[in-house]
Amino acid sequence: MIVQDIVEKLGLKVCSGANGLNREIEGGYTSDLLSDVMGNADENHIWVTLQTHKNIMAIASLKELAAIVLVKGYEPDEDAAEQSNEEGIPILSSEEEAFELTGKLYEMINQAK
């Protein structure tokens, strides 16, 4: 499954990093604590969070994440979006709460395996 698949199936908004929509997704992680994501997310995971600042891109880049999904309609800060575009790591936005979105992503990713 690639990032573009979840964008289409879940109606997510592509905020930035559109050139990374073909990145492969192998799993996911949901957390708003950056140190938790840094310690526990794996490469090619999709990260669900409500954080919008530039530091989310530092974590996504370090962990080689497939994409970041912001919940509750949040959109990235300008500097986070700029870095997302530079690195090709998409930042997406969903109107849903983290709980609901995580459940849907979990089902989709496991069905694709």
C-alpha atoms as a PDB file:
ATOM      1  CA  MET A   1       0.000   0.000   0.000  1.00  0.00           C
ATOM      2  CA  ILE A   2       1.253   3.469  -0.824  1.00  0.00           C
ATOM      3  CA  VAL A   3       0.408   6.846   0.701  1.00  0.00           C
ATOM      4  CA  GLN A   4      -1.750   7.789  -2.303  1.00  0.00           C
ATOM      5  CA  ASP A   5      -4.002   4.784  -1.543  1.00  0.00           C
ATOM      6  CA  ILE A   6      -4.930   6.073   1.902  1.00  0.00           C
ATOM      7  CA  VAL A   7      -5.365   9.624   0.610  1.00  0.00           C
ATOM      8  CA  GLU A   8      -7.972   8.359  -1.858  1.00  0.00           C
ATOM      9  CA  LYS A   9      -9.714   5.832   0.401  1.00  0.00           C
ATOM     10  CA  LEU A  10      -9.943   8.115   3.440  1.00  0.00           C
ATOM     11  CA  GLY A  11     -10.411  11.426   1.646  1.00  0.00           C
ATOM     12  CA  LEU A  12      -7.333  12.997   3.203  1.00  0.00           C
ATOM     13  CA  LYS A  13      -6.075  16.435   2.237  1.00  0.00           C
ATOM     14  CA  VAL A  14      -2.499  16.589   0.934  1.00  0.00           C
ATOM     15  CA  CYS A  15      -1.019  19.622   2.710  1.00  0.00           C
ATOM     16  CA  SER A  16       2.568  19.211   1.507  1.00  0.00           C
ATOM     17  CA  GLY A  17       5.135  16.719   0.273  1.00  0.00           C
ATOM     18  CA  ALA A  18       3.006  15.547  -2.665  1.00  0.00           C
ATOM     19  CA  ASN A  19       6.082  14.191  -4.442  1.00  0.00           C
ATOM     20  CA  GLY A  20       6.206  11.449  -1.765  1.00  0.00           C
ATOM     21  CA  LEU A  21       2.718  10.055  -2.349  1.00  0.00           C
ATOM     22  CA  ASN A  22       4.225   6.879  -3.828  1.00  0.00           C
ATOM     23  CA  ARG A  23       6.015   6.019  -0.590  1.00  0.00           C
ATOM     24  CA  GLU A  24       5.284   2.503   0.659  1.00  0.00           C
ATOM     25  CA  ILE A  25       3.441   2.112   3.994  1.00  0.00           C
ATOM     26  CA  GLU A  26       4.372  -0.909   6.105  1.00  0.00           C
ATOM     27  CA  GLY A  27       2.692   0.036   9.386  1.00  0.00           C
ATOM     28  CA  GLY A  28       1.664   2.946  11.525  1.00  0.00           C
ATOM     29  CA  TYR A  29       2.121   4.729  14.809  1.00  0.00           C
ATOM     30  CA  THR A  30      -0.154   7.115  16.713  1.00  0.00           C
ATOM     31  CA  SER A  31       1.290   9.480  19.315  1.00  0.00           C
ATOM     32  CA  ASP A  32       1.613  13.164  20.067  1.00  0.00           C
ATOM     33  CA  LEU A  33       4.793  12.755  22.107  1.00  0.00           C
ATOM     34  CA  LEU A  34       7.801  13.256  19.834  1.00  0.00           C
ATOM     35  CA  SER A  35      10.186  11.209  21.971  1.00  0.00           C
ATOM     36  CA  ASP A  36       7.695   8.319  21.930  1.00  0.00           C
ATOM     37  CA  VAL A  37       7.541   8.380  18.126  1.00  0.00           C
ATOM     38  CA  MET A  38      11.317   8.663  17.910  1.00  0.00           C
ATOM     39  CA  GLY A  39      11.713   5.599  20.122  1.00  0.00           C
ATOM     40  CA  ASN A  40       8.944   3.411  18.722  1.00  0.00           C
ATOM     41  CA  ALA A  41       7.900   4.230  15.151  1.00  0.00           C
ATOM     42  CA  ASP A  42       9.565   2.258  12.392  1.00  0.00           C
ATOM     43  CA  GLU A  43      10.735   3.092   8.891  1.00  0.00           C
ATOM     44  CA  ASN A  44       7.895   3.306   6.345  1.00  0.00           C
ATOM     45  CA  HIS A  45       5.272   3.807   9.042  1.00  0.00           C
ATOM     46  CA  ILE A  46       2.563   6.415   8.787  1.00  0.00           C
ATOM     47  CA  TRP A  47       2.388   8.671  11.850  1.00  0.00           C
ATOM     48  CA  VAL A  48      -0.919  10.002  13.202  1.00  0.00           C
ATOM     49  CA  THR A  49      -0.613  13.126  15.393  1.00  0.00           C
ATOM     50  CA  LEU A  50      -2.062  16.524  16.200  1.00  0.00           C
ATOM     51  CA  GLN A  51       1.364  18.190  16.323  1.00  0.00           C
ATOM     52  CA  THR A  52       1.860  20.714  13.516  1.00  0.00           C
ATOM     53  CA  HIS A  53       5.275  22.315  14.153  1.00  0.00           C
ATOM     54  CA  LYS A  54       8.559  21.831  12.305  1.00  0.00           C
ATOM     55  CA  ASN A  55       9.853  19.226  14.763  1.00  0.00           C
ATOM     56  CA  ILE A  56       7.451  16.639  13.341  1.00  0.00           C
ATOM     57  CA  MET A  57       9.489  16.726  10.151  1.00  0.00           C
ATOM     58  CA  ALA A  58      12.717  16.221  12.065  1.00  0.00           C
ATOM     59  CA  ILE A  59      11.260  13.021  13.544  1.00  0.00           C
ATOM     60  CA  ALA A  60       9.744  11.882  10.230  1.00  0.00           C
ATOM     61  CA  SER A  61      13.053  12.387   8.462  1.00  0.00           C
ATOM     62  CA  LEU A  62      15.112  10.706  11.187  1.00  0.00           C
ATOM     63  CA  LYS A  63      12.810   7.669  11.300  1.00  0.00           C
ATOM     64  CA  GLU A  64      12.265   7.610   7.501  1.00  0.00           C
ATOM     65  CA  LEU A  65       8.495   7.625   7.929  1.00  0.00           C
ATOM     66  CA  ALA A  66       6.191   7.252   4.937  1.00  0.00           C
ATOM     67  CA  ALA A  67       3.917  10.159   5.880  1.00  0.00           C
ATOM     68  CA  ILE A  68       2.387  12.178   8.705  1.00  0.00           C
ATOM     69  CA  VAL A  69      -1.376  12.522   9.140  1.00  0.00           C
ATOM     70  CA  LEU A  70      -2.647  15.441  11.181  1.00  0.00           C
ATOM     71  CA  VAL A  71      -6.022  14.910  12.843  1.00  0.00           C
ATOM     72  CA  LYS A  72      -8.990  17.190  13.632  1.00  0.00           C
ATOM     73  CA  GLY A  73      -8.460  19.212  10.462  1.00  0.00           C
ATOM     74  CA  TYR A  74      -5.098  20.552  11.598  1.00  0.00           C
ATOM     75  CA  GLU A  75      -2.611  21.692   8.978  1.00  0.00           C
ATOM     76  CA  PRO A  76       1.184  21.970   9.267  1.00  0.00           C
ATOM     77  CA  ASP A  77       2.970  25.160  10.207  1.00  0.00           C
ATOM     78  CA  GLU A  78       4.586  26.854   7.219  1.00  0.00           C
ATOM     79  CA  ASP A  79       8.124  25.737   8.069  1.00  0.00           C
ATOM     80  CA  ALA A  80       6.990  22.119   8.528  1.00  0.00           C
ATOM     81  CA  ALA A  81       5.250  22.208   5.148  1.00  0.00           C
ATOM     82  CA  GLU A  82       8.368  23.639   3.496  1.00  0.00           C
ATOM     83  CA  GLN A  83      10.558  20.870   4.901  1.00  0.00           C
ATOM     84  CA  SER A  84       7.931  18.276   3.901  1.00  0.00           C
ATOM     85  CA  ASN A  85       8.117  19.517   0.317  1.00  0.00           C
ATOM     86  CA  GLU A  86      11.928  19.484   0.370  1.00  0.00           C
ATOM     87  CA  GLU A  87      12.156  15.933   1.738  1.00  0.00           C
ATOM     88  CA  GLY A  88       9.187  14.409  -0.057  1.00  0.00           C
ATOM     89  CA  ILE A  89       7.545  13.188   3.133  1.00  0.00           C
ATOM     90  CA  PRO A  90       3.835  13.952   2.807  1.00  0.00           C
ATOM     91  CA  ILE A  91       1.912  15.751   5.507  1.00  0.00           C
ATOM     92  CA  LEU A  92      -1.775  14.918   5.215  1.00  0.00           C
ATOM     93  CA  SER A  93      -4.812  16.197   7.089  1.00  0.00           C
ATOM     94  CA  SER A  94      -7.967  14.438   8.277  1.00  0.00           C
ATOM     95  CA  GLU A  95     -11.085  15.900   9.895  1.00  0.00           C
ATOM     96  CA  GLU A  96     -11.337  12.792  12.080  1.00  0.00           C
ATOM     97  CA  GLU A  97     -10.097  12.269  15.635  1.00  0.00           C
ATOM     98  CA  ALA A  98      -6.955  10.179  16.121  1.00  0.00           C
ATOM     99  CA  PHE A  99      -8.886   7.205  17.555  1.00  0.00           C
ATOM    100  CA  GLU A 100     -11.185   6.800  14.556  1.00  0.00           C
ATOM    101  CA  LEU A 101      -8.492   7.454  11.961  1.00  0.00           C
ATOM    102  CA  THR A 102      -6.044   5.042  13.586  1.00  0.00           C
ATOM    103  CA  GLY A 103      -8.639   2.265  13.504  1.00  0.00           C
ATOM    104  CA  LYS A 104      -9.310   2.782   9.807  1.00  0.00           C
ATOM    105  CA  LEU A 105      -5.607   2.902   8.964  1.00  0.00           C
ATOM    106  CA  TYR A 106      -4.955  -0.248  10.994  1.00  0.00           C
ATOM    107  CA  GLU A 107      -7.606  -2.167   9.045  1.00  0.00           C
ATOM    108  CA  MET A 108      -6.407  -0.887   5.666  1.00  0.00           C
ATOM    109  CA  ILE A 109      -2.733  -1.648   6.317  1.00  0.00           C
ATOM    110  CA  ASN A 110      -3.437  -5.143   7.655  1.00  0.00           C
ATOM    111  CA  GLN A 111      -5.728  -5.991   4.730  1.00  0.00           C
ATOM    112  CA  ALA A 112      -3.011  -4.926   2.301  1.00  0.00           C
ATOM    113  CA  LYS A 113      -0.431  -7.298   3.838  1.00  0.00           C
END
